[in-house]
Amino acid sequence: MNYWVMALYFQWVTPELVKQAVELGDCSMEDLNTGYEQRMLTLEQLQEIKPSFKERE
């Protein structure tokens, strides 16, 4: 599991900081998708990072 996903889950960082990490290449949207699929991240958190993120069915 990516550090940023864990940090967001434990609320050590804000979605804005994770967004910066994605922009810098330290975390990928794939990492975030994995966290969402494992129910570690919420749809709201992901939409703050990437507004176009849609809920999976």
PDB file of N, CA and C in Angstrom:
ATOM      1  N   MET A   1       0.850  -1.179   0.000  1.00  0.00           N
ATOM      2  CA  MET A   1       0.000   0.000   0.000  1.00  0.00           C
ATOM      3  C   MET A   1       0.895   1.241   0.000  1.00  0.00           C
ATOM      4  N   ASN A   2       0.523   2.196  -0.819  1.00  0.00           N
ATOM      5  CA  ASN A   2       1.272   3.442  -0.929  1.00  0.00           C
ATOM      6  C   ASN A   2       1.177   4.249   0.375  1.00  0.00           C
ATOM      7  N   TYR A   3       2.286   4.908   0.731  1.00  0.00           N
ATOM      8  CA  TYR A   3       2.338   5.722   1.948  1.00  0.00           C
ATOM      9  C   TYR A   3       1.224   6.764   1.967  1.00  0.00           C
ATOM     10  N   TRP A   4       0.997   7.433   0.846  1.00  0.00           N
ATOM     11  CA  TRP A   4       0.022   8.520   0.795  1.00  0.00           C
ATOM     12  C   TRP A   4      -1.398   8.018   1.025  1.00  0.00           C
ATOM     13  N   VAL A   5      -1.693   6.827   0.537  1.00  0.00           N
ATOM     14  CA  VAL A   5      -3.016   6.239   0.772  1.00  0.00           C
ATOM     15  C   VAL A   5      -3.190   5.977   2.267  1.00  0.00           C
ATOM     16  N   MET A   6      -2.183   5.393   2.885  1.00  0.00           N
ATOM     17  CA  MET A   6      -2.245   5.120   4.324  1.00  0.00           C
ATOM     18  C   MET A   6      -2.342   6.422   5.124  1.00  0.00           C
ATOM     19  N   ALA A   7      -1.560   7.411   4.733  1.00  0.00           N
ATOM     20  CA  ALA A   7      -1.561   8.689   5.448  1.00  0.00           C
ATOM     21  C   ALA A   7      -2.927   9.372   5.354  1.00  0.00           C
ATOM     22  N   LEU A   8      -3.562   9.288   4.195  1.00  0.00           N
ATOM     23  CA  LEU A   8      -4.890   9.875   4.047  1.00  0.00           C
ATOM     24  C   LEU A   8      -5.915   9.094   4.867  1.00  0.00           C
ATOM     25  N   TYR A   9      -5.793   7.787   4.875  1.00  0.00           N
ATOM     26  CA  TYR A   9      -6.703   6.941   5.655  1.00  0.00           C
ATOM     27  C   TYR A   9      -6.636   7.294   7.148  1.00  0.00           C
ATOM     28  N   PHE A  10      -5.429   7.467   7.666  1.00  0.00           N
ATOM     29  CA  PHE A  10      -5.255   7.784   9.084  1.00  0.00           C
ATOM     30  C   PHE A  10      -5.363   9.282   9.374  1.00  0.00           C
ATOM     31  N   GLN A  11      -5.682  10.061   8.341  1.00  0.00           N
ATOM     32  CA  GLN A  11      -5.857  11.512   8.436  1.00  0.00           C
ATOM     33  C   GLN A  11      -4.594  12.221   8.916  1.00  0.00           C
ATOM     34  N   TRP A  12      -3.440  11.708   8.473  1.00  0.00           N
ATOM     35  CA  TRP A  12      -2.172  12.370   8.764  1.00  0.00           C
ATOM     36  C   TRP A  12      -1.914  13.482   7.754  1.00  0.00           C
ATOM     37  N   VAL A  13      -2.571  13.397   6.611  1.00  0.00           N
ATOM     38  CA  VAL A  13      -2.431  14.408   5.559  1.00  0.00           C
ATOM     39  C   VAL A  13      -3.826  14.763   5.042  1.00  0.00           C
ATOM     40  N   THR A  14      -3.888  15.866   4.307  1.00  0.00           N
ATOM     41  CA  THR A  14      -5.150  16.293   3.703  1.00  0.00           C
ATOM     42  C   THR A  14      -5.204  15.821   2.251  1.00  0.00           C
ATOM     43  N   PRO A  15      -6.399  15.772   1.680  1.00  0.00           N
ATOM     44  CA  PRO A  15      -6.494  15.431   0.259  1.00  0.00           C
ATOM     45  C   PRO A  15      -5.676  16.381  -0.627  1.00  0.00           C
ATOM     46  N   GLU A  16      -5.554  17.628  -0.218  1.00  0.00           N
ATOM     47  CA  GLU A  16      -4.769  18.593  -0.998  1.00  0.00           C
ATOM     48  C   GLU A  16      -3.296  18.185  -1.057  1.00  0.00           C
ATOM     49  N   LEU A  17      -2.748  17.705   0.047  1.00  0.00           N
ATOM     50  CA  LEU A  17      -1.358  17.238   0.036  1.00  0.00           C
ATOM     51  C   LEU A  17      -1.195  16.005  -0.844  1.00  0.00           C
ATOM     52  N   VAL A  18      -2.177  15.121  -0.821  1.00  0.00           N
ATOM     53  CA  VAL A  18      -2.115  13.928  -1.672  1.00  0.00           C
ATOM     54  C   VAL A  18      -2.209  14.338  -3.138  1.00  0.00           C
ATOM     55  N   LYS A  19      -3.015  15.344  -3.424  1.00  0.00           N
ATOM     56  CA  LYS A  19      -3.121  15.859  -4.799  1.00  0.00           C
ATOM     57  C   LYS A  19      -1.753  16.342  -5.273  1.00  0.00           C
ATOM     58  N   GLN A  20      -1.026  17.032  -4.421  1.00  0.00           N
ATOM     59  CA  GLN A  20       0.324  17.489  -4.767  1.00  0.00           C
ATOM     60  C   GLN A  20       1.255  16.301  -4.976  1.00  0.00           C
ATOM     61  N   ALA A  21       1.121  15.266  -4.158  1.00  0.00           N
ATOM     62  CA  ALA A  21       1.952  14.067  -4.305  1.00  0.00           C
ATOM     63  C   ALA A  21       1.680  13.389  -5.645  1.00  0.00           C
ATOM     64  N   VAL A  22       0.418  13.371  -6.071  1.00  0.00           N
ATOM     65  CA  VAL A  22       0.068  12.794  -7.376  1.00  0.00           C
ATOM     66  C   VAL A  22       0.710  13.624  -8.482  1.00  0.00           C
ATOM     67  N   GLU A  23       0.628  14.942  -8.374  1.00  0.00           N
ATOM     68  CA  GLU A  23       1.210  15.832  -9.383  1.00  0.00           C
ATOM     69  C   GLU A  23       2.723  15.662  -9.468  1.00  0.00           C
ATOM     70  N   LEU A  24       3.361  15.366  -8.348  1.00  0.00           N
ATOM     71  CA  LEU A  24       4.816  15.177  -8.324  1.00  0.00           C
ATOM     72  C   LEU A  24       5.232  13.753  -8.687  1.00  0.00           C
ATOM     73  N   GLY A  25       4.260  12.863  -8.844  1.00  0.00           N
ATOM     74  CA  GLY A  25       4.560  11.486  -9.224  1.00  0.00           C
ATOM     75  C   GLY A  25       4.911  10.572  -8.065  1.00  0.00           C
ATOM     76  N   ASP A  26       4.681  11.042  -6.841  1.00  0.00           N
ATOM     77  CA  ASP A  26       4.990  10.234  -5.655  1.00  0.00           C
ATOM     78  C   ASP A  26       3.867   9.251  -5.321  1.00  0.00           C
ATOM     79  N   CYS A  27       2.714   9.476  -5.901  1.00  0.00           N
ATOM     80  CA  CYS A  27       1.539   8.632  -5.702  1.00  0.00           C
ATOM     81  C   CYS A  27       0.771   8.645  -7.018  1.00  0.00           C
ATOM     82  N   SER A  28       0.176   7.526  -7.371  1.00  0.00           N
ATOM     83  CA  SER A  28      -0.562   7.476  -8.638  1.00  0.00           C
ATOM     84  C   SER A  28      -2.060   7.351  -8.379  1.00  0.00           C
ATOM     85  N   MET A  29      -2.841   7.658  -9.396  1.00  0.00           N
ATOM     86  CA  MET A  29      -4.284   7.467  -9.283  1.00  0.00           C
ATOM     87  C   MET A  29      -4.596   5.982  -9.131  1.00  0.00           C
ATOM     88  N   GLU A  30      -3.755   5.134  -9.682  1.00  0.00           N
ATOM     89  CA  GLU A  30      -3.937   3.687  -9.508  1.00  0.00           C
ATOM     90  C   GLU A  30      -3.811   3.313  -8.030  1.00  0.00           C
ATOM     91  N   ASP A  31      -2.822   3.912  -7.334  1.00  0.00           N
ATOM     92  CA  ASP A  31      -2.675   3.679  -5.892  1.00  0.00           C
ATOM     93  C   ASP A  31      -3.939   4.119  -5.150  1.00  0.00           C
ATOM     94  N   LEU A  32      -4.456   5.277  -5.529  1.00  0.00           N
ATOM     95  CA  LEU A  32      -5.657   5.794  -4.877  1.00  0.00           C
ATOM     96  C   LEU A  32      -6.873   4.927  -5.192  1.00  0.00           C
ATOM     97  N   ASN A  33      -6.971   4.461  -6.424  1.00  0.00           N
ATOM     98  CA  ASN A  33      -8.067   3.554  -6.788  1.00  0.00           C
ATOM     99  C   ASN A  33      -8.018   2.282  -5.958  1.00  0.00           C
ATOM    100  N   THR A  34      -6.818   1.766  -5.740  1.00  0.00           N
ATOM    101  CA  THR A  34      -6.660   0.562  -4.919  1.00  0.00           C
ATOM    102  C   THR A  34      -7.145   0.829  -3.496  1.00  0.00           C
ATOM    103  N   GLY A  35      -6.774   1.974  -2.946  1.00  0.00           N
ATOM    104  CA  GLY A  35      -7.240   2.345  -1.610  1.00  0.00           C
ATOM    105  C   GLY A  35      -8.751   2.472  -1.541  1.00  0.00           C
ATOM    106  N   TYR A  36      -9.345   2.998  -2.609  1.00  0.00           N
ATOM    107  CA  TYR A  36     -10.805   3.126  -2.666  1.00  0.00           C
ATOM    108  C   TYR A  36     -11.466   1.753  -2.743  1.00  0.00           C
ATOM    109  N   GLU A  37     -10.920   0.880  -3.570  1.00  0.00           N
ATOM    110  CA  GLU A  37     -11.473  -0.471  -3.712  1.00  0.00           C
ATOM    111  C   GLU A  37     -11.383  -1.256  -2.404  1.00  0.00           C
ATOM    112  N   GLN A  38     -10.340  -0.969  -1.612  1.00  0.00           N
ATOM    113  CA  GLN A  38     -10.178  -1.643  -0.321  1.00  0.00           C
ATOM    114  C   GLN A  38     -10.910  -0.907   0.799  1.00  0.00           C
ATOM    115  N   ARG A  39     -11.708   0.082   0.422  1.00  0.00           N
ATOM    116  CA  ARG A  39     -12.529   0.863   1.350  1.00  0.00           C
ATOM    117  C   ARG A  39     -11.708   1.629   2.390  1.00  0.00           C
ATOM    118  N   MET A  40     -10.497   2.009   2.008  1.00  0.00           N
ATOM    119  CA  MET A  40      -9.661   2.823   2.891  1.00  0.00           C
ATOM    120  C   MET A  40      -9.889   4.307   2.623  1.00  0.00           C
ATOM    121  N   LEU A  41     -10.299   4.632   1.398  1.00  0.00           N
ATOM    122  CA  LEU A  41     -10.544   6.014   1.014  1.00  0.00           C
ATOM    123  C   LEU A  41     -12.004   6.168   0.619  1.00  0.00           C
ATOM    124  N   THR A  42     -12.515   7.374   0.818  1.00  0.00           N
ATOM    125  CA  THR A  42     -13.906   7.634   0.461  1.00  0.00           C
ATOM    126  C   THR A  42     -13.982   8.290  -0.910  1.00  0.00           C
ATOM    127  N   LEU A  43     -15.156   8.221  -1.492  1.00  0.00           N
ATOM    128  CA  LEU A  43     -15.397   8.871  -2.779  1.00  0.00           C
ATOM    129  C   LEU A  43     -15.156  10.375  -2.655  1.00  0.00           C
ATOM    130  N   GLU A  44     -15.559  10.960  -1.553  1.00  0.00           N
ATOM    131  CA  GLU A  44     -15.386  12.395  -1.340  1.00  0.00           C
ATOM    132  C   GLU A  44     -13.906  12.784  -1.331  1.00  0.00           C
ATOM    133  N   GLN A  45     -13.074  11.978  -0.677  1.00  0.00           N
ATOM    134  CA  GLN A  45     -11.638  12.258  -0.654  1.00  0.00           C
ATOM    135  C   GLN A  45     -11.065  12.216  -2.066  1.00  0.00           C
ATOM    136  N   LEU A  46     -11.442  11.193  -2.822  1.00  0.00           N
ATOM    137  CA  LEU A  46     -10.921  11.058  -4.179  1.00  0.00           C
ATOM    138  C   LEU A  46     -11.408  12.184  -5.077  1.00  0.00           C
ATOM    139  N   GLN A  47     -12.636  12.639  -4.888  1.00  0.00           N
ATOM    140  CA  GLN A  47     -13.152  13.731  -5.701  1.00  0.00           C
ATOM    141  C   GLN A  47     -12.483  15.055  -5.356  1.00  0.00           C
ATOM    142  N   GLU A  48     -11.991  15.206  -4.136  1.00  0.00           N
ATOM    143  CA  GLU A  48     -11.211  16.396  -3.788  1.00  0.00           C
ATOM    144  C   GLU A  48      -9.884  16.389  -4.529  1.00  0.00           C
ATOM    145  N   ILE A  49      -9.308  15.202  -4.684  1.00  0.00           N
ATOM    146  CA  ILE A  49      -8.023  15.059  -5.363  1.00  0.00           C
ATOM    147  C   ILE A  49      -8.196  15.171  -6.869  1.00  0.00           C
ATOM    148  N   LYS A  50      -9.201  14.486  -7.398  1.00  0.00           N
ATOM    149  CA  LYS A  50      -9.476  14.504  -8.841  1.00  0.00           C
ATOM    150  C   LYS A  50     -10.987  14.630  -9.022  1.00  0.00           C
ATOM    151  N   PRO A  51     -11.473  15.848  -9.293  1.00  0.00           N
ATOM    152  CA  PRO A  51     -12.923  16.082  -9.373  1.00  0.00           C
ATOM    153  C   PRO A  51     -13.664  15.188 -10.365  1.00  0.00           C
ATOM    154  N   SER A  52     -12.991  14.692 -11.376  1.00  0.00           N
ATOM    155  CA  SER A  52     -13.671  13.861 -12.376  1.00  0.00           C
ATOM    156  C   SER A  52     -13.823  12.402 -11.938  1.00  0.00           C
ATOM    157  N   PHE A  53     -13.321  12.061 -10.747  1.00  0.00           N
ATOM    158  CA  PHE A  53     -13.420  10.677 -10.271  1.00  0.00           C
ATOM    159  C   PHE A  53     -14.880  10.318 -10.046  1.00  0.00           C
ATOM    160  N   LYS A  54     -15.288   9.177 -10.588  1.00  0.00           N
ATOM    161  CA  LYS A  54     -16.676   8.710 -10.469  1.00  0.00           C
ATOM    162  C   LYS A  54     -16.739   7.453  -9.612  1.00  0.00           C
ATOM    163  N   GLU A  55     -17.876   7.283  -8.948  1.00  0.00           N
ATOM    164  CA  GLU A  55     -18.095   6.096  -8.119  1.00  0.00           C
ATOM    165  C   GLU A  55     -18.151   4.853  -8.995  1.00  0.00           C
ATOM    166  N   ARG A  56     -17.543   3.784  -8.511  1.00  0.00           N
ATOM    167  CA  ARG A  56     -17.592   2.509  -9.228  1.00  0.00           C
ATOM    168  C   ARG A  56     -18.840   1.758  -8.833  1.00  0.00           C
ATOM    169  N   GLU A  57     -19.368   1.015  -9.785  1.00  0.00           N
ATOM    170  CA  GLU A  57     -20.582   0.235  -9.509  1.00  0.00           C
ATOM    171  C   GLU A  57     -20.235  -1.138  -9.012  1.00  0.00           C
TER     172      GLU A  57
END
